PDB file of all heavy atoms in Angstrom:
ATOM      1  N   ALA A   1      49.059  -0.889  66.250  1.00  0.00           N
ATOM      2  CA  ALA A   1      49.421  -1.867  65.227  1.00  0.00           C
ATOM      3  C   ALA A   1      48.304  -2.877  65.043  1.00  0.00           C
ATOM      4  O   ALA A   1      47.953  -3.256  63.915  1.00  0.00           O
ATOM      5  CB  ALA A   1      50.726  -2.545  65.570  1.00  0.00           C
ATOM      6  N   LYS A   2      47.712  -3.307  66.145  1.00  0.00           N
ATOM      7  CA  LYS A   2      46.601  -4.260  66.056  1.00  0.00           C
ATOM      8  C   LYS A   2      45.405  -3.611  65.367  1.00  0.00           C
ATOM      9  O   LYS A   2      44.760  -4.258  64.539  1.00  0.00           O
ATOM     10  CB  LYS A   2      46.204  -4.740  67.460  1.00  0.00           C
ATOM     11  CG  LYS A   2      47.193  -5.717  68.069  1.00  0.00           C
ATOM     12  CD  LYS A   2      46.749  -6.135  69.462  1.00  0.00           C
ATOM     13  CE  LYS A   2      47.751  -7.143  70.054  1.00  0.00           C
ATOM     14  NZ  LYS A   2      47.388  -7.511  71.441  1.00  0.00           N
ATOM     15  N   SER A   3      45.131  -2.331  65.668  1.00  0.00           N
ATOM     16  CA  SER A   3      44.010  -1.624  65.054  1.00  0.00           C
ATOM     17  C   SER A   3      44.149  -1.531  63.556  1.00  0.00           C
ATOM     18  O   SER A   3      43.165  -1.484  62.819  1.00  0.00           O
ATOM     19  CB  SER A   3      43.888  -0.223  65.620  1.00  0.00           C
ATOM     20  OG  SER A   3      43.563  -0.264  66.976  1.00  0.00           O
ATOM     21  N   CYS A   4      45.398  -1.471  63.078  1.00  0.00           N
ATOM     22  CA  CYS A   4      45.661  -1.369  61.635  1.00  0.00           C
ATOM     23  C   CYS A   4      45.898  -2.731  60.980  1.00  0.00           C
ATOM     24  O   CYS A   4      46.246  -2.785  59.792  1.00  0.00           O
ATOM     25  CB  CYS A   4      46.889  -0.500  61.405  1.00  0.00           C
ATOM     26  SG  CYS A   4      46.613   1.244  61.678  1.00  0.00           S
ATOM     27  N   GLY A   5      45.768  -3.797  61.731  1.00  0.00           N
ATOM     28  CA  GLY A   5      46.009  -5.126  61.188  1.00  0.00           C
ATOM     29  C   GLY A   5      47.463  -5.397  60.896  1.00  0.00           C
ATOM     30  O   GLY A   5      47.799  -6.177  60.001  1.00  0.00           O
ATOM     31  N   CYS A   6      48.376  -4.737  61.618  1.00  0.00           N
ATOM     32  CA  CYS A   6      49.811  -4.851  61.346  1.00  0.00           C
ATOM     33  C   CYS A   6      50.575  -5.652  62.404  1.00  0.00           C
ATOM     34  O   CYS A   6      51.749  -5.943  62.216  1.00  0.00           O
ATOM     35  CB  CYS A   6      50.440  -3.462  61.202  1.00  0.00           C
ATOM     36  SG  CYS A   6      49.797  -2.570  59.767  1.00  0.00           S
ATOM     37  N   HIS A   7      49.918  -5.952  63.502  1.00  0.00           N
ATOM     38  CA  HIS A   7      50.601  -6.616  64.627  1.00  0.00           C
ATOM     39  C   HIS A   7      51.233  -7.950  64.196  1.00  0.00           C
ATOM     40  O   HIS A   7      52.400  -8.219  64.509  1.00  0.00           O
ATOM     41  CB  HIS A   7      49.615  -6.824  65.785  1.00  0.00           C
ATOM     42  CG  HIS A   7      50.183  -7.548  66.941  1.00  0.00           C
ATOM     43  ND1 HIS A   7      51.101  -6.984  67.786  1.00  0.00           N
ATOM     44  CD2 HIS A   7      49.969  -8.813  67.391  1.00  0.00           C
ATOM     45  CE1 HIS A   7      51.432  -7.861  68.731  1.00  0.00           C
ATOM     46  NE2 HIS A   7      50.743  -8.976  68.506  1.00  0.00           N
ATOM     47  N   GLU A   8      50.480  -8.767  63.476  1.00  0.00           N
ATOM     48  CA  GLU A   8      50.987 -10.089  63.089  1.00  0.00           C
ATOM     49  C   GLU A   8      52.208  -9.980  62.198  1.00  0.00           C
ATOM     50  O   GLU A   8      53.189 -10.703  62.393  1.00  0.00           O
ATOM     51  CB  GLU A   8      49.883 -10.900  62.390  1.00  0.00           C
ATOM     52  CG  GLU A   8      48.758 -11.323  63.296  1.00  0.00           C
ATOM     53  CD  GLU A   8      47.760 -10.203  63.619  1.00  0.00           C
ATOM     54  OE1 GLU A   8      47.705  -9.191  62.865  1.00  0.00           O
ATOM     55  OE2 GLU A   8      47.072 -10.323  64.643  1.00  0.00           O
ATOM     56  N   PHE A   9      52.167  -9.064  61.236  1.00  0.00           N
ATOM     57  CA  PHE A   9      53.334  -8.961  60.347  1.00  0.00           C
ATOM     58  C   PHE A   9      54.552  -8.448  61.111  1.00  0.00           C
ATOM     59  O   PHE A   9      55.667  -8.895  60.890  1.00  0.00           O
ATOM     60  CB  PHE A   9      53.003  -8.103  59.113  1.00  0.00           C
ATOM     61  CG  PHE A   9      53.760  -6.810  58.989  1.00  0.00           C
ATOM     62  CD1 PHE A   9      55.093  -6.771  58.595  1.00  0.00           C
ATOM     63  CD2 PHE A   9      53.152  -5.602  59.279  1.00  0.00           C
ATOM     64  CE1 PHE A   9      55.787  -5.575  58.493  1.00  0.00           C
ATOM     65  CE2 PHE A   9      53.826  -4.404  59.178  1.00  0.00           C
ATOM     66  CZ  PHE A   9      55.150  -4.403  58.790  1.00  0.00           C
ATOM     67  N   ILE A  10      54.343  -7.512  62.045  1.00  0.00           N
ATOM     68  CA  ILE A  10      55.464  -7.003  62.840  1.00  0.00           C
ATOM     69  C   ILE A  10      56.011  -8.124  63.709  1.00  0.00           C
ATOM     70  O   ILE A  10      57.234  -8.294  63.815  1.00  0.00           O
ATOM     71  CB  ILE A  10      55.036  -5.777  63.677  1.00  0.00           C
ATOM     72  CG1 ILE A  10      54.692  -4.601  62.762  1.00  0.00           C
ATOM     73  CG2 ILE A  10      56.131  -5.395  64.678  1.00  0.00           C
ATOM     74  CD1 ILE A  10      54.032  -3.417  63.463  1.00  0.00           C
ATOM     75  N   GLU A  11      55.141  -8.890  64.325  1.00  0.00           N
ATOM     76  CA  GLU A  11      55.602  -9.999  65.177  1.00  0.00           C
ATOM     77  C   GLU A  11      56.378 -11.030  64.366  1.00  0.00           C
ATOM     78  O   GLU A  11      57.237 -11.717  64.916  1.00  0.00           O
ATOM     79  CB  GLU A  11      54.392 -10.676  65.858  1.00  0.00           C
ATOM     80  CG  GLU A  11      53.855  -9.882  67.031  1.00  0.00           C
ATOM     81  CD  GLU A  11      54.747  -9.936  68.245  1.00  0.00           C
ATOM     82  OE1 GLU A  11      54.898 -11.025  68.823  1.00  0.00           O
ATOM     83  OE2 GLU A  11      55.312  -8.887  68.599  1.00  0.00           O
ATOM     84  N   SER A  12      56.082 -11.144  63.052  1.00  0.00           N
ATOM     85  CA  SER A  12      56.765 -12.128  62.223  1.00  0.00           C
ATOM     86  C   SER A  12      58.159 -11.682  61.788  1.00  0.00           C
ATOM     87  O   SER A  12      58.935 -12.471  61.252  1.00  0.00           O
ATOM     88  CB  SER A  12      55.924 -12.458  60.988  1.00  0.00           C
ATOM     89  OG  SER A  12      55.963 -11.387  60.072  1.00  0.00           O
ATOM     90  N   LEU A  13      58.494 -10.405  62.037  1.00  0.00           N
ATOM     91  CA  LEU A  13      59.833  -9.914  61.701  1.00  0.00           C
ATOM     92  C   LEU A  13      60.848 -10.585  62.616  1.00  0.00           C
ATOM     93  O   LEU A  13      60.498 -11.077  63.700  1.00  0.00           O
ATOM     94  CB  LEU A  13      59.898  -8.395  61.846  1.00  0.00           C
ATOM     95  CG  LEU A  13      59.016  -7.564  60.895  1.00  0.00           C
ATOM     96  CD1 LEU A  13      59.048  -6.101  61.286  1.00  0.00           C
ATOM     97  CD2 LEU A  13      59.466  -7.768  59.453  1.00  0.00           C
ATOM     98  N   GLU A  14      62.085 -10.576  62.205  1.00  0.00           N
ATOM     99  CA  GLU A  14      63.156 -11.272  62.935  1.00  0.00           C
ATOM    100  C   GLU A  14      63.123 -11.027  64.435  1.00  0.00           C
ATOM    101  O   GLU A  14      63.220 -11.963  65.227  1.00  0.00           O
ATOM    102  CB  GLU A  14      64.519 -10.825  62.363  1.00  0.00           C
ATOM    103  CG  GLU A  14      65.694 -11.528  62.989  1.00  0.00           C
ATOM    104  CD  GLU A  14      67.010 -11.067  62.397  1.00  0.00           C
ATOM    105  OE1 GLU A  14      67.013 -10.364  61.359  1.00  0.00           O
ATOM    106  OE2 GLU A  14      68.053 -11.397  62.989  1.00  0.00           O
ATOM    107  N   ASN A  15      62.980  -9.780  64.858  1.00  0.00           N
ATOM    108  CA  ASN A  15      62.947  -9.462  66.275  1.00  0.00           C
ATOM    109  C   ASN A  15      61.652  -8.749  66.659  1.00  0.00           C
ATOM    110  O   ASN A  15      61.623  -7.937  67.608  1.00  0.00           O
ATOM    111  CB  ASN A  15      64.159  -8.586  66.670  1.00  0.00           C
ATOM    112  CG  ASN A  15      65.454  -9.345  66.506  1.00  0.00           C
ATOM    113  OD1 ASN A  15      65.620 -10.443  67.050  1.00  0.00           O
ATOM    114  ND2 ASN A  15      66.374  -8.798  65.721  1.00  0.00           N
ATOM    115  N   GLY A  16      60.597  -8.976  65.906  1.00  0.00           N
ATOM    116  CA  GLY A  16      59.318  -8.371  66.200  1.00  0.00           C
ATOM    117  C   GLY A  16      59.408  -6.850  66.233  1.00  0.00           C
ATOM    118  O   GLY A  16      60.020  -6.229  65.361  1.00  0.00           O
ATOM    119  N   TYR A  17      58.851  -6.261  67.276  1.00  0.00           N
ATOM    120  CA  TYR A  17      58.870  -4.808  67.422  1.00  0.00           C
ATOM    121  C   TYR A  17      60.285  -4.263  67.650  1.00  0.00           C
ATOM    122  O   TYR A  17      60.524  -3.080  67.488  1.00  0.00           O
ATOM    123  CB  TYR A  17      57.949  -4.366  68.567  1.00  0.00           C
ATOM    124  CG  TYR A  17      56.485  -4.446  68.215  1.00  0.00           C
ATOM    125  CD1 TYR A  17      55.778  -5.627  68.389  1.00  0.00           C
ATOM    126  CD2 TYR A  17      55.821  -3.349  67.685  1.00  0.00           C
ATOM    127  CE1 TYR A  17      54.428  -5.711  68.051  1.00  0.00           C
ATOM    128  CE2 TYR A  17      54.475  -3.431  67.336  1.00  0.00           C
ATOM    129  CZ  TYR A  17      53.793  -4.610  67.516  1.00  0.00           C
ATOM    130  OH  TYR A  17      52.464  -4.678  67.176  1.00  0.00           O
ATOM    131  N   ASN A  18      61.223  -5.121  68.037  1.00  0.00           N
ATOM    132  CA  ASN A  18      62.589  -4.705  68.272  1.00  0.00           C
ATOM    133  C   ASN A  18      63.483  -4.868  67.043  1.00  0.00           C
ATOM    134  O   ASN A  18      64.684  -4.698  67.114  1.00  0.00           O
ATOM    135  CB  ASN A  18      63.181  -5.477  69.441  1.00  0.00           C
ATOM    136  CG  ASN A  18      62.497  -5.095  70.749  1.00  0.00           C
ATOM    137  OD1 ASN A  18      62.270  -3.917  71.011  1.00  0.00           O
ATOM    138  ND2 ASN A  18      62.138  -6.080  71.547  1.00  0.00           N
ATOM    139  N   THR A  19      62.870  -5.167  65.899  1.00  0.00           N
ATOM    140  CA  THR A  19      63.622  -5.267  64.658  1.00  0.00           C
ATOM    141  C   THR A  19      64.080  -3.861  64.231  1.00  0.00           C
ATOM    142  O   THR A  19      63.296  -2.935  64.183  1.00  0.00           O
ATOM    143  CB  THR A  19      62.739  -5.870  63.535  1.00  0.00           C
ATOM    144  OG1 THR A  19      62.321  -7.163  63.935  1.00  0.00           O
ATOM    145  CG2 THR A  19      63.479  -5.950  62.206  1.00  0.00           C
ATOM    146  N   VAL A  20      65.365  -3.737  63.942  1.00  0.00           N
ATOM    147  CA  VAL A  20      65.895  -2.460  63.457  1.00  0.00           C
ATOM    148  C   VAL A  20      65.591  -2.378  61.967  1.00  0.00           C
ATOM    149  O   VAL A  20      65.883  -3.293  61.203  1.00  0.00           O
ATOM    150  CB  VAL A  20      67.409  -2.352  63.732  1.00  0.00           C
ATOM    151  CG1 VAL A  20      67.991  -1.086  63.128  1.00  0.00           C
ATOM    152  CG2 VAL A  20      67.678  -2.401  65.227  1.00  0.00           C
ATOM    153  N   THR A  21      65.013  -1.263  61.558  1.00  0.00           N
ATOM    154  CA  THR A  21      64.534  -1.131  60.176  1.00  0.00           C
ATOM    155  C   THR A  21      65.644  -0.818  59.185  1.00  0.00           C
ATOM    156  O   THR A  21      65.447  -0.989  57.989  1.00  0.00           O
ATOM    157  CB  THR A  21      63.462  -0.026  60.089  1.00  0.00           C
ATOM    158  OG1 THR A  21      64.046   1.228  60.425  1.00  0.00           O
ATOM    159  CG2 THR A  21      62.267  -0.343  60.963  1.00  0.00           C
ATOM    160  N   GLY A  22      66.796  -0.343  59.666  1.00  0.00           N
ATOM    161  CA  GLY A  22      67.881   0.028  58.758  1.00  0.00           C
ATOM    162  C   GLY A  22      67.726   1.461  58.275  1.00  0.00           C
ATOM    163  O   GLY A  22      66.712   2.112  58.520  1.00  0.00           O
ATOM    164  N   ASP A  23      68.750   1.937  57.575  1.00  0.00           N
ATOM    165  CA  ASP A  23      68.704   3.310  57.030  1.00  0.00           C
ATOM    166  C   ASP A  23      67.511   3.432  56.095  1.00  0.00           C
ATOM    167  O   ASP A  23      67.339   2.610  55.185  1.00  0.00           O
ATOM    168  CB  ASP A  23      69.983   3.637  56.259  1.00  0.00           C
ATOM    169  CG  ASP A  23      71.176   3.802  57.181  1.00  0.00           C
ATOM    170  OD1 ASP A  23      70.972   4.199  58.333  1.00  0.00           O
ATOM    171  OD2 ASP A  23      72.300   3.522  56.731  1.00  0.00           O
ATOM    172  N   SER A  24      66.670   4.426  56.341  1.00  0.00           N
ATOM    173  CA  SER A  24      65.455   4.684  55.554  1.00  0.00           C
ATOM    174  C   SER A  24      64.530   3.486  55.491  1.00  0.00           C
ATOM    175  O   SER A  24      63.734   3.366  54.559  1.00  0.00           O
ATOM    176  CB  SER A  24      65.818   5.120  54.144  1.00  0.00           C
ATOM    177  OG  SER A  24      66.620   6.271  54.184  1.00  0.00           O
ATOM    178  N   GLY A  25      64.632   2.570  56.459  1.00  0.00           N
ATOM    179  CA  GLY A  25      63.774   1.386  56.467  1.00  0.00           C
ATOM    180  C   GLY A  25      64.212   0.348  55.478  1.00  0.00           C
ATOM    181  O   GLY A  25      63.443  -0.538  55.085  1.00  0.00           O
ATOM    182  N   GLY A  26      65.481   0.391  55.043  1.00  0.00           N
ATOM    183  CA  GLY A  26      66.005  -0.475  54.003  1.00  0.00           C
ATOM    184  C   GLY A  26      65.941  -1.966  54.272  1.00  0.00           C
ATOM    185  O   GLY A  26      66.015  -2.760  53.337  1.00  0.00           O
ATOM    186  N   HIS A  27      65.771  -2.389  55.518  1.00  0.00           N
ATOM    187  CA  HIS A  27      65.658  -3.820  55.838  1.00  0.00           C
ATOM    188  C   HIS A  27      64.242  -4.332  55.645  1.00  0.00           C
ATOM    189  O   HIS A  27      63.990  -5.529  55.838  1.00  0.00           O
ATOM    190  CB  HIS A  27      66.119  -4.105  57.265  1.00  0.00           C
ATOM    191  CG  HIS A  27      67.557  -3.823  57.497  1.00  0.00           C
ATOM    192  ND1 HIS A  27      68.069  -3.471  58.715  1.00  0.00           N
ATOM    193  CD2 HIS A  27      68.628  -3.843  56.646  1.00  0.00           C
ATOM    194  CE1 HIS A  27      69.366  -3.279  58.627  1.00  0.00           C
ATOM    195  NE2 HIS A  27      69.724  -3.508  57.376  1.00  0.00           N
ATOM    196  N   LEU A  28      63.324  -3.470  55.272  1.00  0.00           N
ATOM    197  CA  LEU A  28      61.929  -3.859  55.101  1.00  0.00           C
ATOM    198  C   LEU A  28      61.487  -3.622  53.663  1.00  0.00           C
ATOM    199  O   LEU A  28      62.082  -2.808  52.940  1.00  0.00           O
ATOM    200  CB  LEU A  28      61.037  -3.036  56.032  1.00  0.00           C
ATOM    201  CG  LEU A  28      61.328  -3.114  57.529  1.00  0.00           C
ATOM    202  CD1 LEU A  28      60.429  -2.160  58.296  1.00  0.00           C
ATOM    203  CD2 LEU A  28      61.165  -4.524  58.036  1.00  0.00           C
ATOM    204  N   SER A  29      60.442  -4.298  53.245  1.00  0.00           N
ATOM    205  CA  SER A  29      59.900  -4.082  51.902  1.00  0.00           C
ATOM    206  C   SER A  29      59.156  -2.749  51.887  1.00  0.00           C
ATOM    207  O   SER A  29      58.811  -2.203  52.927  1.00  0.00           O
ATOM    208  CB  SER A  29      58.935  -5.217  51.536  1.00  0.00           C
ATOM    209  OG  SER A  29      57.723  -5.087  52.271  1.00  0.00           O
ATOM    210  N   GLY A  30      58.848  -2.279  50.696  1.00  0.00           N
ATOM    211  CA  GLY A  30      58.089  -1.024  50.556  1.00  0.00           C
ATOM    212  C   GLY A  30      56.731  -1.116  51.223  1.00  0.00           C
ATOM    213  O   GLY A  30      56.294  -0.179  51.882  1.00  0.00           O
ATOM    214  N   GLY A  31      56.058  -2.243  51.071  1.00  0.00           N
ATOM    215  CA  GLY A  31      54.756  -2.452  51.700  1.00  0.00           C
ATOM    216  C   GLY A  31      54.844  -2.449  53.199  1.00  0.00           C
ATOM    217  O   GLY A  31      53.967  -1.915  53.898  1.00  0.00           O
ATOM    218  N   GLU A  32      55.901  -3.078  53.738  1.00  0.00           N
ATOM    219  CA  GLU A  32      56.089  -3.091  55.203  1.00  0.00           C
ATOM    220  C   GLU A  32      56.364  -1.694  55.736  1.00  0.00           C
ATOM    221  O   GLU A  32      55.807  -1.293  56.758  1.00  0.00           O
ATOM    222  CB  GLU A  32      57.237  -4.054  55.559  1.00  0.00           C
ATOM    223  CG  GLU A  32      56.889  -5.509  55.345  1.00  0.00           C
ATOM    224  CD  GLU A  32      58.076  -6.438  55.439  1.00  0.00           C
ATOM    225  OE1 GLU A  32      59.236  -5.981  55.226  1.00  0.00           O
ATOM    226  OE2 GLU A  32      57.863  -7.639  55.681  1.00  0.00           O
ATOM    227  N   ARG A  33      57.195  -0.920  55.030  1.00  0.00           N
ATOM    228  CA  ARG A  33      57.468   0.458  55.433  1.00  0.00           C
ATOM    229  C   ARG A  33      56.168   1.266  55.426  1.00  0.00           C
ATOM    230  O   ARG A  33      55.908   2.033  56.342  1.00  0.00           O
ATOM    231  CB  ARG A  33      58.508   1.107  54.535  1.00  0.00           C
ATOM    232  CG  ARG A  33      59.906   0.579  54.752  1.00  0.00           C
ATOM    233  CD  ARG A  33      60.972   1.410  54.034  1.00  0.00           C
ATOM    234  NE  ARG A  33      60.755   1.557  52.616  1.00  0.00           N
ATOM    235  CZ  ARG A  33      61.248   0.714  51.687  1.00  0.00           C
ATOM    236  NH1 ARG A  33      61.972  -0.313  52.056  1.00  0.00           N
ATOM    237  NH2 ARG A  33      61.030   0.926  50.413  1.00  0.00           N
ATOM    238  N   GLN A  34      55.368   1.060  54.387  1.00  0.00           N
ATOM    239  CA  GLN A  34      54.095   1.780  54.269  1.00  0.00           C
ATOM    240  C   GLN A  34      53.195   1.459  55.437  1.00  0.00           C
ATOM    241  O   GLN A  34      52.592   2.350  56.028  1.00  0.00           O
ATOM    242  CB  GLN A  34      53.426   1.378  52.947  1.00  0.00           C
ATOM    243  CG  GLN A  34      52.234   2.226  52.603  1.00  0.00           C
ATOM    244  CD  GLN A  34      52.633   3.628  52.227  1.00  0.00           C
ATOM    245  OE1 GLN A  34      53.734   3.893  51.804  1.00  0.00           O
ATOM    246  NE2 GLN A  34      51.736   4.549  52.404  1.00  0.00           N
ATOM    247  N   ARG A  35      53.096   0.203  55.786  1.00  0.00           N
ATOM    248  CA  ARG A  35      52.212  -0.203  56.870  1.00  0.00           C
ATOM    249  C   ARG A  35      52.669   0.363  58.210  1.00  0.00           C
ATOM    250  O   ARG A  35      51.859   0.783  59.031  1.00  0.00           O
ATOM    251  CB  ARG A  35      52.101  -1.727  56.913  1.00  0.00           C
ATOM    252  CG  ARG A  35      51.389  -2.252  55.681  1.00  0.00           C
ATOM    253  CD  ARG A  35      51.356  -3.736  55.573  1.00  0.00           C
ATOM    254  NE  ARG A  35      50.435  -4.285  56.573  1.00  0.00           N
ATOM    255  CZ  ARG A  35      50.381  -5.560  56.871  1.00  0.00           C
ATOM    256  NH1 ARG A  35      51.181  -6.435  56.295  1.00  0.00           N
ATOM    257  NH2 ARG A  35      49.502  -6.001  57.760  1.00  0.00           N
ATOM    258  N   ILE A  36      53.975   0.432  58.437  1.00  0.00           N
ATOM    259  CA  ILE A  36      54.489   1.026  59.677  1.00  0.00           C
ATOM    260  C   ILE A  36      54.177   2.517  59.702  1.00  0.00           C
ATOM    261  O   ILE A  36      53.814   3.065  60.749  1.00  0.00           O
ATOM    262  CB  ILE A  36      56.013   0.741  59.826  1.00  0.00           C
ATOM    263  CG1 ILE A  36      56.204  -0.750  60.148  1.00  0.00           C
ATOM    264  CG2 ILE A  36      56.633   1.626  60.902  1.00  0.00           C
ATOM    265  CD1 ILE A  36      57.623  -1.235  60.090  1.00  0.00           C
ATOM    266  N   SER A  37      54.269   3.177  58.558  1.00  0.00           N
ATOM    267  CA  SER A  37      53.919   4.606  58.491  1.00  0.00           C
ATOM    268  C   SER A  37      52.450   4.838  58.822  1.00  0.00           C
ATOM    269  O   SER A  37      52.085   5.822  59.461  1.00  0.00           O
ATOM    270  CB  SER A  37      54.224   5.174  57.125  1.00  0.00           C
ATOM    271  OG  SER A  37      55.606   5.159  56.893  1.00  0.00           O
ATOM    272  N   ILE A  38      51.601   3.930  58.387  1.00  0.00           N
ATOM    273  CA  ILE A  38      50.176   4.033  58.684  1.00  0.00           C
ATOM    274  C   ILE A  38      49.926   3.826  60.189  1.00  0.00           C
ATOM    275  O   ILE A  38      49.134   4.558  60.776  1.00  0.00           O
ATOM    276  CB  ILE A  38      49.365   3.039  57.830  1.00  0.00           C
ATOM    277  CG1 ILE A  38      49.440   3.479  56.355  1.00  0.00           C
ATOM    278  CG2 ILE A  38      47.916   2.953  58.316  1.00  0.00           C
ATOM    279  CD1 ILE A  38      48.938   2.446  55.361  1.00  0.00           C
TER     280      ILE A  38
END
């Protein structure tokens, strides 16, 4: 995540890396889902 520049955004989520994304990642924006896929 750090290598992709995503660590900070993940840490800013409600529970950081322990945030549950929801069905099909529905709790996250499209850009956030894309970054997690990367």
